PDB file of N, CA and C in Angstrom:
ATOM      1  N   UNK A   1      99.145  27.789  55.969  1.00  0.00           N
ATOM      2  CA  UNK A   1      99.067  26.429  55.448  1.00  0.00           C
ATOM      3  C   UNK A   1      98.494  26.442  54.031  1.00  0.00           C
ATOM      4  N   UNK A   2      98.891  25.473  53.265  1.00  0.00           N
ATOM      5  CA  UNK A   2      98.413  25.377  51.886  1.00  0.00           C
ATOM      6  C   UNK A   2      97.015  24.764  51.860  1.00  0.00           C
ATOM      7  N   UNK A   3      96.275  25.109  50.818  1.00  0.00           N
ATOM      8  CA  UNK A   3      94.935  24.549  50.668  1.00  0.00           C
ATOM      9  C   UNK A   3      95.056  23.137  50.120  1.00  0.00           C
ATOM     10  N   UNK A   4      94.267  22.250  50.665  1.00  0.00           N
ATOM     11  CA  UNK A   4      94.333  20.865  50.217  1.00  0.00           C
ATOM     12  C   UNK A   4      93.526  20.681  48.934  1.00  0.00           C
ATOM     13  N   UNK A   5      93.779  19.579  48.284  1.00  0.00           N
ATOM     14  CA  UNK A   5      93.074  19.262  47.042  1.00  0.00           C
ATOM     15  C   UNK A   5      91.589  19.052  47.337  1.00  0.00           C
ATOM     16  N   UNK A   6      91.331  18.453  48.493  1.00  0.00           N
ATOM     17  CA  UNK A   6      89.946  18.154  48.869  1.00  0.00           C
ATOM     18  C   UNK A   6      89.135  19.440  49.036  1.00  0.00           C
ATOM     19  N   UNK A   7      89.703  20.432  49.705  1.00  0.00           N
ATOM     20  CA  UNK A   7      88.970  21.681  49.919  1.00  0.00           C
ATOM     21  C   UNK A   7      88.773  22.433  48.604  1.00  0.00           C
ATOM     22  N   UNK A   8      89.773  22.361  47.713  1.00  0.00           N
ATOM     23  CA  UNK A   8      89.626  23.004  46.404  1.00  0.00           C
ATOM     24  C   UNK A   8      88.490  22.346  45.617  1.00  0.00           C
ATOM     25  N   UNK A   9      88.414  21.036  45.718  1.00  0.00           N
ATOM     26  CA  UNK A   9      87.366  20.293  45.021  1.00  0.00           C
ATOM     27  C   UNK A   9      85.984  20.681  45.556  1.00  0.00           C
ATOM     28  N   UNK A  10      85.887  20.827  46.865  1.00  0.00           N
ATOM     29  CA  UNK A  10      84.614  21.214  47.478  1.00  0.00           C
ATOM     30  C   UNK A  10      84.176  22.589  46.999  1.00  0.00           C
ATOM     31  N   UNK A  11      85.112  23.514  46.921  1.00  0.00           N
ATOM     32  CA  UNK A  11      84.798  24.866  46.457  1.00  0.00           C
ATOM     33  C   UNK A  11      84.313  24.818  45.014  1.00  0.00           C
ATOM     34  N   UNK A  12      84.977  24.012  44.211  1.00  0.00           N
ATOM     35  CA  UNK A  12      84.611  23.889  42.803  1.00  0.00           C
ATOM     36  C   UNK A  12      83.187  23.340  42.663  1.00  0.00           C
ATOM     37  N   UNK A  13      82.886  22.303  43.424  1.00  0.00           N
ATOM     38  CA  UNK A  13      81.555  21.686  43.372  1.00  0.00           C
ATOM     39  C   UNK A  13      80.488  22.662  43.859  1.00  0.00           C
ATOM     40  N   UNK A  14      80.805  23.417  44.916  1.00  0.00           N
ATOM     41  CA  UNK A  14      79.855  24.414  45.425  1.00  0.00           C
ATOM     42  C   UNK A  14      79.525  25.462  44.370  1.00  0.00           C
ATOM     43  N   UNK A  15      80.546  25.909  43.648  1.00  0.00           N
ATOM     44  CA  UNK A  15      80.333  26.903  42.590  1.00  0.00           C
ATOM     45  C   UNK A  15      79.444  26.353  41.478  1.00  0.00           C
ATOM     46  N   UNK A  16      79.666  25.088  41.100  1.00  0.00           N
ATOM     47  CA  UNK A  16      78.823  24.471  40.079  1.00  0.00           C
ATOM     48  C   UNK A  16      77.376  24.374  40.553  1.00  0.00           C
ATOM     49  N   UNK A  17      77.202  23.997  41.808  1.00  0.00           N
ATOM     50  CA  UNK A  17      75.860  23.895  42.386  1.00  0.00           C
ATOM     51  C   UNK A  17      75.170  25.251  42.359  1.00  0.00           C
ATOM     52  N   UNK A  18      75.913  26.279  42.723  1.00  0.00           N
ATOM     53  CA  UNK A  18      75.372  27.631  42.762  1.00  0.00           C
ATOM     54  C   UNK A  18      74.844  28.022  41.381  1.00  0.00           C
ATOM     55  N   UNK A  19      75.594  27.673  40.345  1.00  0.00           N
ATOM     56  CA  UNK A  19      75.168  27.988  38.977  1.00  0.00           C
ATOM     57  C   UNK A  19      73.882  27.242  38.619  1.00  0.00           C
ATOM     58  N   UNK A  20      73.804  25.962  39.009  1.00  0.00           N
ATOM     59  CA  UNK A  20      72.610  25.171  38.703  1.00  0.00           C
ATOM     60  C   UNK A  20      71.381  25.727  39.418  1.00  0.00           C
ATOM     61  N   UNK A  21      71.532  26.000  40.707  1.00  0.00           N
ATOM     62  CA  UNK A  21      70.396  26.471  41.492  1.00  0.00           C
ATOM     63  C   UNK A  21      69.993  27.886  41.108  1.00  0.00           C
ATOM     64  N   UNK A  22      70.922  28.650  40.560  1.00  0.00           N
ATOM     65  CA  UNK A  22      70.610  30.015  40.134  1.00  0.00           C
ATOM     66  C   UNK A  22      69.519  29.996  39.068  1.00  0.00           C
ATOM     67  N   UNK A  23      69.619  29.063  38.121  1.00  0.00           N
ATOM     68  CA  UNK A  23      68.627  28.960  37.047  1.00  0.00           C
ATOM     69  C   UNK A  23      67.259  28.616  37.631  1.00  0.00           C
ATOM     70  N   UNK A  24      67.223  27.649  38.536  1.00  0.00           N
ATOM     71  CA  UNK A  24      65.954  27.255  39.161  1.00  0.00           C
ATOM     72  C   UNK A  24      65.336  28.416  39.915  1.00  0.00           C
ATOM     73  N   UNK A  25      66.137  29.079  40.703  1.00  0.00           N
ATOM     74  CA  UNK A  25      65.649  30.189  41.526  1.00  0.00           C
ATOM     75  C   UNK A  25      65.122  31.319  40.654  1.00  0.00           C
ATOM     76  N   UNK A  26      65.810  31.594  39.568  1.00  0.00           N
ATOM     77  CA  UNK A  26      65.376  32.644  38.647  1.00  0.00           C
ATOM     78  C   UNK A  26      64.012  32.304  38.047  1.00  0.00           C
ATOM     79  N   UNK A  27      63.818  31.042  37.654  1.00  0.00           N
ATOM     80  CA  UNK A  27      62.523  30.620  37.109  1.00  0.00           C
ATOM     81  C   UNK A  27      61.415  30.759  38.149  1.00  0.00           C
ATOM     82  N   UNK A  28      61.700  30.367  39.385  1.00  0.00           N
ATOM     83  CA  UNK A  28      60.697  30.489  40.451  1.00  0.00           C
ATOM     84  C   UNK A  28      60.321  31.944  40.682  1.00  0.00           C
ATOM     85  N   UNK A  29      61.296  32.822  40.693  1.00  0.00           N
ATOM     86  CA  UNK A  29      61.018  34.241  40.909  1.00  0.00           C
ATOM     87  C   UNK A  29      60.186  34.821  39.768  1.00  0.00           C
ATOM     88  N   UNK A  30      60.489  34.414  38.539  1.00  0.00           N
ATOM     89  CA  UNK A  30      59.706  34.888  37.395  1.00  0.00           C
ATOM     90  C   UNK A  30      58.248  34.447  37.515  1.00  0.00           C
ATOM     91  N   UNK A  31      58.029  33.191  37.944  1.00  0.00           N
ATOM     92  CA  UNK A  31      56.661  32.700  38.131  1.00  0.00           C
ATOM     93  C   UNK A  31      55.933  33.518  39.193  1.00  0.00           C
ATOM     94  N   UNK A  32      56.623  33.820  40.280  1.00  0.00           N
ATOM     95  CA  UNK A  32      56.008  34.609  41.343  1.00  0.00           C
ATOM     96  C   UNK A  32      55.600  35.986  40.848  1.00  0.00           C
ATOM     97  N   UNK A  33      56.449  36.600  40.047  1.00  0.00           N
ATOM     98  CA  UNK A  33      56.134  37.932  39.509  1.00  0.00           C
ATOM     99  C   UNK A  33      54.905  37.857  38.609  1.00  0.00           C
ATOM    100  N   UNK A  34      54.830  36.825  37.764  1.00  0.00           N
ATOM    101  CA  UNK A  34      53.673  36.664  36.879  1.00  0.00           C
ATOM    102  C   UNK A  34      52.388  36.481  37.682  1.00  0.00           C
ATOM    103  N   UNK A  35      52.439  35.650  38.732  1.00  0.00           N
ATOM    104  CA  UNK A  35      51.258  35.427  39.573  1.00  0.00           C
ATOM    105  C   UNK A  35      50.830  36.713  40.262  1.00  0.00           C
ATOM    106  N   UNK A  36      51.786  37.481  40.709  1.00  0.00           N
ATOM    107  CA  UNK A  36      51.472  38.736  41.387  1.00  0.00           C
ATOM    108  C   UNK A  36      50.797  39.714  40.428  1.00  0.00           C
ATOM    109  N   UNK A  37      51.298  39.780  39.205  1.00  0.00           N
ATOM    110  CA  UNK A  37      50.682  40.646  38.194  1.00  0.00           C
ATOM    111  C   UNK A  37      49.259  40.193  37.907  1.00  0.00           C
ATOM    112  N   UNK A  38      49.047  38.878  37.855  1.00  0.00           N
ATOM    113  CA  UNK A  38      47.702  38.355  37.613  1.00  0.00           C
ATOM    114  C   UNK A  38      46.764  38.753  38.751  1.00  0.00           C
ATOM    115  N   UNK A  39      47.239  38.689  39.979  1.00  0.00           N
ATOM    116  CA  UNK A  39      46.418  39.086  41.133  1.00  0.00           C
ATOM    117  C   UNK A  39      46.097  40.568  41.085  1.00  0.00           C
ATOM    118  N   UNK A  40      47.047  41.370  40.653  1.00  0.00           N
ATOM    119  CA  UNK A  40      46.818  42.817  40.578  1.00  0.00           C
ATOM    120  C   UNK A  40      45.701  43.139  39.598  1.00  0.00           C
ATOM    121  N   UNK A  41      45.686  42.454  38.464  1.00  0.00           N
ATOM    122  CA  UNK A  41      44.635  42.719  37.481  1.00  0.00           C
ATOM    123  C   UNK A  41      43.274  42.342  38.040  1.00  0.00           C
ATOM    124  N   UNK A  42      43.191  41.281  38.812  1.00  0.00           N
ATOM    125  CA  UNK A  42      41.932  40.903  39.455  1.00  0.00           C
ATOM    126  C   UNK A  42      41.545  41.956  40.481  1.00  0.00           C
ATOM    127  N   UNK A  43      42.497  42.487  41.209  1.00  0.00           N
ATOM    128  CA  UNK A  43      42.221  43.518  42.207  1.00  0.00           C
ATOM    129  C   UNK A  43      41.713  44.799  41.583  1.00  0.00           C
ATOM    130  N   UNK A  44      42.140  45.112  40.358  1.00  0.00           N
ATOM    131  CA  UNK A  44      41.673  46.323  39.690  1.00  0.00           C
ATOM    132  C   UNK A  44      40.212  46.211  39.292  1.00  0.00           C
ATOM    133  N   UNK A  45      39.746  44.989  39.068  1.00  0.00           N
ATOM    134  CA  UNK A  45      38.356  44.790  38.665  1.00  0.00           C
ATOM    135  C   UNK A  45      37.402  45.137  39.801  1.00  0.00           C
ATOM    136  N   UNK A  46      37.782  44.865  41.024  1.00  0.00           N
ATOM    137  CA  UNK A  46      36.926  45.132  42.182  1.00  0.00           C
ATOM    138  C   UNK A  46      36.710  46.634  42.305  1.00  0.00           C
ATOM    139  N   UNK A  47      35.466  47.015  42.567  1.00  0.00           N
ATOM    140  CA  UNK A  47      35.143  48.426  42.731  1.00  0.00           C
ATOM    141  C   UNK A  47      35.467  48.817  44.167  1.00  0.00           C
ATOM    142  N   UNK A  48      36.500  49.602  44.362  1.00  0.00           N
ATOM    143  CA  UNK A  48      36.960  49.929  45.708  1.00  0.00           C
ATOM    144  C   UNK A  48      36.082  50.976  46.378  1.00  0.00           C
ATOM    145  N   UNK A  49      35.156  51.600  45.647  1.00  0.00           N
ATOM    146  CA  UNK A  49      34.303  52.625  46.241  1.00  0.00           C
ATOM    147  C   UNK A  49      33.255  52.031  47.176  1.00  0.00           C
ATOM    148  N   UNK A  50      32.767  50.833  46.877  1.00  0.00           N
ATOM    149  CA  UNK A  50      31.701  50.267  47.696  1.00  0.00           C
ATOM    150  C   UNK A  50      32.202  49.272  48.740  1.00  0.00           C
ATOM    151  N   UNK A  51      33.484  49.122  48.905  1.00  0.00           N
ATOM    152  CA  UNK A  51      33.991  48.138  49.865  1.00  0.00           C
ATOM    153  C   UNK A  51      33.630  48.452  51.312  1.00  0.00           C
ATOM    154  N   UNK A  52      33.600  49.713  51.780  1.00  0.00           N
ATOM    155  CA  UNK A  52      33.202  49.932  53.175  1.00  0.00           C
ATOM    156  C   UNK A  52      31.787  49.451  53.468  1.00  0.00           C
ATOM    157  N   UNK A  53      30.881  49.624  52.493  1.00  0.00           N
ATOM    158  CA  UNK A  53      29.516  49.147  52.692  1.00  0.00           C
ATOM    159  C   UNK A  53      29.486  47.628  52.780  1.00  0.00           C
ATOM    160  N   UNK A  54      30.230  46.987  51.904  1.00  0.00           N
ATOM    161  CA  UNK A  54      30.275  45.529  51.902  1.00  0.00           C
ATOM    162  C   UNK A  54      30.854  45.023  53.215  1.00  0.00           C
ATOM    163  N   UNK A  55      31.918  45.660  53.685  1.00  0.00           N
ATOM    164  CA  UNK A  55      32.537  45.246  54.946  1.00  0.00           C
ATOM    165  C   UNK A  55      31.588  45.442  56.114  1.00  0.00           C
ATOM    166  N   UNK A  56      30.817  46.522  56.104  1.00  0.00           N
ATOM    167  CA  UNK A  56      29.861  46.768  57.183  1.00  0.00           C
ATOM    168  C   UNK A  56      28.804  45.674  57.206  1.00  0.00           C
ATOM    169  N   UNK A  57      28.323  45.274  56.028  1.00  0.00           N
ATOM    170  CA  UNK A  57      27.336  44.196  55.960  1.00  0.00           C
ATOM    171  C   UNK A  57      27.933  42.894  56.485  1.00  0.00           C
ATOM    172  N   UNK A  58      29.164  42.619  56.077  1.00  0.00           N
ATOM    173  CA  UNK A  58      29.821  41.397  56.539  1.00  0.00           C
ATOM    174  C   UNK A  58      30.019  41.412  58.047  1.00  0.00           C
ATOM    175  N   UNK A  59      30.400  42.562  58.616  1.00  0.00           N
ATOM    176  CA  UNK A  59      30.581  42.664  60.063  1.00  0.00           C
ATOM    177  C   UNK A  59      29.286  42.361  60.785  1.00  0.00           C
ATOM    178  N   UNK A  60      28.188  42.871  60.269  1.00  0.00           N
ATOM    179  CA  UNK A  60      26.887  42.602  60.872  1.00  0.00           C
ATOM    180  C   UNK A  60      26.570  41.125  60.865  1.00  0.00           C
ATOM    181  N   UNK A  61      26.851  40.455  59.757  1.00  0.00           N
ATOM    182  CA  UNK A  61      26.602  39.023  59.665  1.00  0.00           C
ATOM    183  C   UNK A  61      27.493  38.262  60.634  1.00  0.00           C
ATOM    184  N   UNK A  62      28.743  38.672  60.733  1.00  0.00           N
ATOM    185  CA  UNK A  62      29.672  37.982  61.630  1.00  0.00           C
ATOM    186  C   UNK A  62      29.239  38.119  63.079  1.00  0.00           C
ATOM    187  N   UNK A  63      28.766  39.302  63.462  1.00  0.00           N
ATOM    188  CA  UNK A  63      28.329  39.505  64.842  1.00  0.00           C
ATOM    189  C   UNK A  63      27.134  38.627  65.161  1.00  0.00           C
ATOM    190  N   UNK A  64      26.172  38.515  64.235  1.00  0.00           N
ATOM    191  CA  UNK A  64      25.004  37.672  64.489  1.00  0.00           C
ATOM    192  C   UNK A  64      25.417  36.209  64.560  1.00  0.00           C
ATOM    193  N   UNK A  65      26.376  35.799  63.734  1.00  0.00           N
ATOM    194  CA  UNK A  65      26.860  34.428  63.789  1.00  0.00           C
ATOM    195  C   UNK A  65      27.519  34.145  65.132  1.00  0.00           C
ATOM    196  N   UNK A  66      28.280  35.102  65.663  1.00  0.00           N
ATOM    197  CA  UNK A  66      28.921  34.928  66.962  1.00  0.00           C
ATOM    198  C   UNK A  66      27.882  34.784  68.062  1.00  0.00           C
ATOM    199  N   UNK A  67      26.810  35.562  67.981  1.00  0.00           N
ATOM    200  CA  UNK A  67      25.757  35.471  68.990  1.00  0.00           C
ATOM    201  C   UNK A  67      25.099  34.103  68.957  1.00  0.00           C
ATOM    202  N   UNK A  68      24.902  33.563  67.763  1.00  0.00           N
ATOM    203  CA  UNK A  68      24.298  32.243  67.638  1.00  0.00           C
ATOM    204  C   UNK A  68      25.204  31.179  68.251  1.00  0.00           C
ATOM    205  N   UNK A  69      26.490  31.333  68.050  1.00  0.00           N
ATOM    206  CA  UNK A  69      27.435  30.343  68.558  1.00  0.00           C
ATOM    207  C   UNK A  69      27.574  30.381  70.071  1.00  0.00           C
ATOM    208  N   UNK A  70      27.344  31.526  70.687  1.00  0.00           N
ATOM    209  CA  UNK A  70      27.563  31.676  72.118  1.00  0.00           C
ATOM    210  C   UNK A  70      26.309  31.391  72.938  1.00  0.00           C
ATOM    211  N   UNK A  71      25.489  30.438  72.509  1.00  0.00           N
ATOM    212  CA  UNK A  71      24.285  30.096  73.263  1.00  0.00           C
ATOM    213  C   UNK A  71      24.691  29.392  74.553  1.00  0.00           C
ATOM    214  N   UNK A  72      24.046  29.746  75.654  1.00  0.00           N
ATOM    215  CA  UNK A  72      24.340  29.028  76.889  1.00  0.00           C
ATOM    216  C   UNK A  72      23.751  27.624  76.827  1.00  0.00           C
ATOM    217  N   UNK A  73      24.326  26.722  77.586  1.00  0.00           N
ATOM    218  CA  UNK A  73      23.841  25.349  77.608  1.00  0.00           C
ATOM    219  C   UNK A  73      22.466  25.311  78.250  1.00  0.00           C
ATOM    220  N   UNK A  74      21.578  24.600  77.618  1.00  0.00           N
ATOM    221  CA  UNK A  74      20.226  24.478  78.144  1.00  0.00           C
ATOM    222  C   UNK A  74      20.031  23.053  78.625  1.00  0.00           C
ATOM    223  N   UNK A  75      19.234  22.886  79.677  1.00  0.00           N
ATOM    224  CA  UNK A  75      18.929  21.555  80.166  1.00  0.00           C
ATOM    225  C   UNK A  75      20.091  20.963  80.945  1.00  0.00           C
ATOM    226  N   UNK A  76      20.548  19.819  80.490  1.00  0.00           N
ATOM    227  CA  UNK A  76      21.609  19.102  81.198  1.00  0.00           C
ATOM    228  C   UNK A  76      22.944  19.824  81.063  1.00  0.00           C
ATOM    229  N   UNK A  77      23.824  19.534  81.990  1.00  0.00           N
ATOM    230  CA  UNK A  77      25.166  20.112  81.927  1.00  0.00           C
ATOM    231  C   UNK A  77      26.026  19.286  80.974  1.00  0.00           C
ATOM    232  N   UNK A  78      25.880  19.558  79.705  1.00  0.00           N
ATOM    233  CA  UNK A  78      26.671  18.820  78.718  1.00  0.00           C
ATOM    234  C   UNK A  78      27.712  19.699  78.061  1.00  0.00           C
ATOM    235  N   UNK A  79      27.808  20.942  78.521  1.00  0.00           N
ATOM    236  CA  UNK A  79      28.819  21.832  77.949  1.00  0.00           C
ATOM    237  C   UNK A  79      30.195  21.313  78.328  1.00  0.00           C
ATOM    238  N   UNK A  80      31.022  21.120  77.328  1.00  0.00           N
ATOM    239  CA  UNK A  80      32.374  20.661  77.615  1.00  0.00           C
ATOM    240  C   UNK A  80      33.253  21.859  77.886  1.00  0.00           C
ATOM    241  N   UNK A  81      33.823  21.887  79.053  1.00  0.00           N
ATOM    242  CA  UNK A  81      34.731  22.973  79.408  1.00  0.00           C
ATOM    243  C   UNK A  81      36.154  22.497  79.182  1.00  0.00           C
ATOM    244  N   UNK A  82      37.022  23.424  78.932  1.00  0.00           N
ATOM    245  CA  UNK A  82      38.428  23.075  78.754  1.00  0.00           C
ATOM    246  C   UNK A  82      38.967  22.534  80.075  1.00  0.00           C
ATOM    247  N   UNK A  83      39.765  21.482  80.033  1.00  0.00           N
ATOM    248  CA  UNK A  83      40.281  20.926  81.279  1.00  0.00           C
ATOM    249  C   UNK A  83      41.158  21.933  82.009  1.00  0.00           C
ATOM    250  N   UNK A  84      40.967  22.015  83.313  1.00  0.00           N
ATOM    251  CA  UNK A  84      41.704  22.973  84.130  1.00  0.00           C
ATOM    252  C   UNK A  84      43.096  22.418  84.386  1.00  0.00           C
ATOM    253  N   UNK A  85      44.094  23.170  83.983  1.00  0.00           N
ATOM    254  CA  UNK A  85      45.482  22.795  84.239  1.00  0.00           C
ATOM    255  C   UNK A  85      46.055  23.839  85.181  1.00  0.00           C
ATOM    256  N   UNK A  86      46.578  23.388  86.295  1.00  0.00           N
ATOM    257  CA  UNK A  86      47.089  24.309  87.288  1.00  0.00           C
ATOM    258  C   UNK A  86      48.486  24.772  86.895  1.00  0.00           C
ATOM    259  N   UNK A  87      48.783  26.009  87.215  1.00  0.00           N
ATOM    260  CA  UNK A  87      49.987  26.663  86.733  1.00  0.00           C
ATOM    261  C   UNK A  87      51.297  26.047  87.163  1.00  0.00           C
ATOM    262  N   UNK A  88      51.461  25.780  88.446  1.00  0.00           N
ATOM    263  CA  UNK A  88      52.788  25.368  88.916  1.00  0.00           C
ATOM    264  C   UNK A  88      53.118  23.924  88.574  1.00  0.00           C
ATOM    265  N   UNK A  89      52.183  23.012  88.781  1.00  0.00           N
ATOM    266  CA  UNK A  89      52.519  21.610  88.575  1.00  0.00           C
ATOM    267  C   UNK A  89      52.035  21.062  87.237  1.00  0.00           C
ATOM    268  N   UNK A  90      51.295  21.859  86.469  1.00  0.00           N
ATOM    269  CA  UNK A  90      50.827  21.493  85.131  1.00  0.00           C
ATOM    270  C   UNK A  90      50.001  20.211  85.109  1.00  0.00           C
ATOM    271  N   UNK A  91      49.266  19.949  86.164  1.00  0.00           N
ATOM    272  CA  UNK A  91      48.384  18.789  86.185  1.00  0.00           C
ATOM    273  C   UNK A  91      46.947  19.248  86.320  1.00  0.00           C
ATOM    274  N   UNK A  92      46.013  18.423  85.846  1.00  0.00           N
ATOM    275  CA  UNK A  92      44.613  18.774  86.003  1.00  0.00           C
ATOM    276  C   UNK A  92      44.104  18.237  87.334  1.00  0.00           C
ATOM    277  N   UNK A  93      42.790  18.338  87.551  1.00  0.00           N
ATOM    278  CA  UNK A  93      42.245  17.958  88.862  1.00  0.00           C
ATOM    279  C   UNK A  93      42.414  16.471  89.154  1.00  0.00           C
ATOM    280  N   UNK A  94      42.539  15.633  88.105  1.00  0.00           N
ATOM    281  CA  UNK A  94      42.709  14.199  88.311  1.00  0.00           C
ATOM    282  C   UNK A  94      44.170  13.797  88.474  1.00  0.00           C
ATOM    283  N   UNK A  95      45.075  14.750  88.340  1.00  0.00           N
ATOM    284  CA  UNK A  95      46.494  14.460  88.493  1.00  0.00           C
ATOM    285  C   UNK A  95      47.178  14.055  87.199  1.00  0.00           C
ATOM    286  N   UNK A  96      46.487  14.222  86.074  1.00  0.00           N
ATOM    287  CA  UNK A  96      47.071  13.869  84.775  1.00  0.00           C
ATOM    288  C   UNK A  96      47.711  15.090  84.133  1.00  0.00           C
ATOM    289  N   UNK A  97      48.770  14.847  83.384  1.00  0.00           N
ATOM    290  CA  UNK A  97      49.424  15.920  82.651  1.00  0.00           C
ATOM    291  C   UNK A  97      48.679  16.153  81.334  1.00  0.00           C
ATOM    292  N   UNK A  98      48.831  17.334  80.740  1.00  0.00           N
ATOM    293  CA  UNK A  98      48.132  17.612  79.479  1.00  0.00           C
ATOM    294  C   UNK A  98      48.587  16.691  78.350  1.00  0.00           C
ATOM    295  N   UNK A  99      47.722  16.545  77.333  1.00  0.00           N
ATOM    296  CA  UNK A  99      48.019  15.636  76.223  1.00  0.00           C
ATOM    297  C   UNK A  99      49.224  16.094  75.415  1.00  0.00           C
ATOM    298  N   UNK A 100      49.426  17.405  75.327  1.00  0.00           N
ATOM    299  CA  UNK A 100      50.502  17.912  74.486  1.00  0.00           C
ATOM    300  C   UNK A 100      51.875  17.660  75.082  1.00  0.00           C
ATOM    301  N   UNK A 101      51.939  17.252  76.351  1.00  0.00           N
ATOM    302  CA  UNK A 101      53.231  17.022  76.998  1.00  0.00           C
ATOM    303  C   UNK A 101      53.776  15.653  76.616  1.00  0.00           C
ATOM    304  N   UNK A 102      55.041  15.602  76.210  1.00  0.00           N
ATOM    305  CA  UNK A 102      55.640  14.305  75.926  1.00  0.00           C
ATOM    306  C   UNK A 102      56.264  13.739  77.205  1.00  0.00           C
ATOM    307  N   UNK A 103      56.740  12.503  77.113  1.00  0.00           N
ATOM    308  CA  UNK A 103      57.221  11.810  78.309  1.00  0.00           C
ATOM    309  C   UNK A 103      58.408  12.506  78.959  1.00  0.00           C
ATOM    310  N   UNK A 104      59.293  13.051  78.136  1.00  0.00           N
ATOM    311  CA  UNK A 104      60.471  13.730  78.685  1.00  0.00           C
ATOM    312  C   UNK A 104      60.046  14.952  79.494  1.00  0.00           C
ATOM    313  N   UNK A 105      59.098  15.723  78.944  1.00  0.00           N
ATOM    314  CA  UNK A 105      58.605  16.902  79.657  1.00  0.00           C
ATOM    315  C   UNK A 105      57.900  16.501  80.950  1.00  0.00           C
ATOM    316  N   UNK A 106      57.131  15.400  80.891  1.00  0.00           N
ATOM    317  CA  UNK A 106      56.429  14.929  82.092  1.00  0.00           C
ATOM    318  C   UNK A 106      57.429  14.554  83.176  1.00  0.00           C
ATOM    319  N   UNK A 107      58.484  13.855  82.773  1.00  0.00           N
ATOM    320  CA  UNK A 107      59.499  13.432  83.738  1.00  0.00           C
ATOM    321  C   UNK A 107      60.170  14.640  84.386  1.00  0.00           C
ATOM    322  N   UNK A 108      60.534  15.639  83.568  1.00  0.00           N
ATOM    323  CA  UNK A 108      61.161  16.845  84.112  1.00  0.00           C
ATOM    324  C   UNK A 108      60.217  17.555  85.063  1.00  0.00           C
ATOM    325  N   UNK A 109      58.943  17.615  84.687  1.00  0.00           N
ATOM    326  CA  UNK A 109      57.966  18.303  85.527  1.00  0.00           C
ATOM    327  C   UNK A 109      57.781  17.572  86.853  1.00  0.00           C
ATOM    328  N   UNK A 110      57.808  16.238  86.812  1.00  0.00           N
ATOM    329  CA  UNK A 110      57.693  15.465  88.050  1.00  0.00           C
ATOM    330  C   UNK A 110      58.855  15.786  88.988  1.00  0.00           C
ATOM    331  N   UNK A 111      60.066  15.887  88.416  1.00  0.00           N
ATOM    332  CA  UNK A 111      61.229  16.222  89.238  1.00  0.00           C
ATOM    333  C   UNK A 111      61.091  17.622  89.826  1.00  0.00           C
ATOM    334  N   UNK A 112      60.600  18.575  89.014  1.00  0.00           N
ATOM    335  CA  UNK A 112      60.386  19.938  89.518  1.00  0.00           C
ATOM    336  C   UNK A 112      59.373  19.942  90.649  1.00  0.00           C
ATOM    337  N   UNK A 113      58.294  19.186  90.464  1.00  0.00           N
ATOM    338  CA  UNK A 113      57.257  19.123  91.498  1.00  0.00           C
ATOM    339  C   UNK A 113      57.823  18.551  92.795  1.00  0.00           C
ATOM    340  N   UNK A 114      58.679  17.549  92.653  1.00  0.00           N
ATOM    341  CA  UNK A 114      59.303  16.938  93.823  1.00  0.00           C
ATOM    342  C   UNK A 114      60.167  17.954  94.568  1.00  0.00           C
ATOM    343  N   UNK A 115      60.966  18.724  93.798  1.00  0.00           N
ATOM    344  CA  UNK A 115      61.820  19.744  94.410  1.00  0.00           C
ATOM    345  C   UNK A 115      60.992  20.814  95.097  1.00  0.00           C
ATOM    346  N   UNK A 116      59.919  21.245  94.439  1.00  0.00           N
ATOM    347  CA  UNK A 116      59.061  22.279  95.033  1.00  0.00           C
ATOM    348  C   UNK A 116      58.448  21.781  96.334  1.00  0.00           C
ATOM    349  N   UNK A 117      58.036  20.519  96.337  1.00  0.00           N
ATOM    350  CA  UNK A 117      57.431  19.950  97.538  1.00  0.00           C
ATOM    351  C   UNK A 117      58.467  19.874  98.662  1.00  0.00           C
ATOM    352  N   UNK A 118      59.702  19.480  98.320  1.00  0.00           N
ATOM    353  CA  UNK A 118      60.763  19.383  99.321  1.00  0.00           C
ATOM    354  C   UNK A 118      61.072  20.761  99.907  1.00  0.00           C
ATOM    355  N   UNK A 119      61.122  21.784  99.073  1.00  0.00           N
ATOM    356  CA  UNK A 119      61.370  23.143  99.562  1.00  0.00           C
ATOM    357  C   UNK A 119      60.263  23.599 100.493  1.00  0.00           C
ATOM    358  N   UNK A 120      59.047  23.278 100.113  1.00  0.00           N
ATOM    359  CA  UNK A 120      57.904  23.674 100.926  1.00  0.00           C
ATOM    360  C   UNK A 120      57.994  23.035 102.318  1.00  0.00           C
ATOM    361  N   UNK A 121      58.323  21.743 102.339  1.00  0.00           N
ATOM    362  CA  UNK A 121      58.437  21.032 103.615  1.00  0.00           C
ATOM    363  C   UNK A 121      59.596  21.597 104.436  1.00  0.00           C
ATOM    364  N   UNK A 122      60.686  21.929 103.782  1.00  0.00           N
ATOM    365  CA  UNK A 122      61.847  22.480 104.470  1.00  0.00           C
ATOM    366  C   UNK A 122      61.495  23.821 105.108  1.00  0.00           C
ATOM    367  N   UNK A 123      60.772  24.652 104.372  1.00  0.00           N
ATOM    368  CA  UNK A 123      60.358  25.949 104.907  1.00  0.00           C
ATOM    369  C   UNK A 123      59.402  25.789 106.083  1.00  0.00           C
ATOM    370  N   UNK A 124      58.540  24.781 106.027  1.00  0.00           N
ATOM    371  CA  UNK A 124      57.610  24.542 107.134  1.00  0.00           C
ATOM    372  C   UNK A 124      58.378  24.157 108.399  1.00  0.00           C
ATOM    373  N   UNK A 125      59.413  23.334 108.237  1.00  0.00           N
ATOM    374  CA  UNK A 125      60.207  22.911 109.390  1.00  0.00           C
ATOM    375  C   UNK A 125      60.953  24.090 109.999  1.00  0.00           C
ATOM    376  N   UNK A 126      61.416  25.012 109.161  1.00  0.00           N
ATOM    377  CA  UNK A 126      62.131  26.187 109.661  1.00  0.00           C
ATOM    378  C   UNK A 126      61.215  27.069 110.495  1.00  0.00           C
ATOM    379  N   UNK A 127      59.985  27.195 110.064  1.00  0.00           N
ATOM    380  CA  UNK A 127      59.040  28.075 110.757  1.00  0.00           C
ATOM    381  C   UNK A 127      58.739  27.540 112.154  1.00  0.00           C
ATOM    382  N   UNK A 128      58.634  26.233 112.298  1.00  0.00           N
ATOM    383  CA  UNK A 128      58.307  25.649 113.601  1.00  0.00           C
ATOM    384  C   UNK A 128      59.425  25.802 114.536  1.00  0.00           C
TER     385      UNK A 128
END
């Protein structure tokens, strides 16, 4: 089949676009190269011989900070624990679904729970 005028026009426009975006992309790449070179010069200033000592000091500080953060709750039980979500039905102890679940997911999960319950009941009847 012959190529239509419309498809030829689309190809022509695409080629023009490609030329326009090529200039933009080239400028962006040049900027990235310049920024990278600037970062390299900053990296050369750092004395790489003493970095293990600095890292060891930082690790020590981080460990002490972690210990401070992991204090057990004192006095009243005010520690907030993450809500328990059960694996199969994805509900917590109050029967609510997690906040991150949208309505469509909740509806699908309800249907799955219904099917699982029906299978369970069917298996119980078979055993008797």
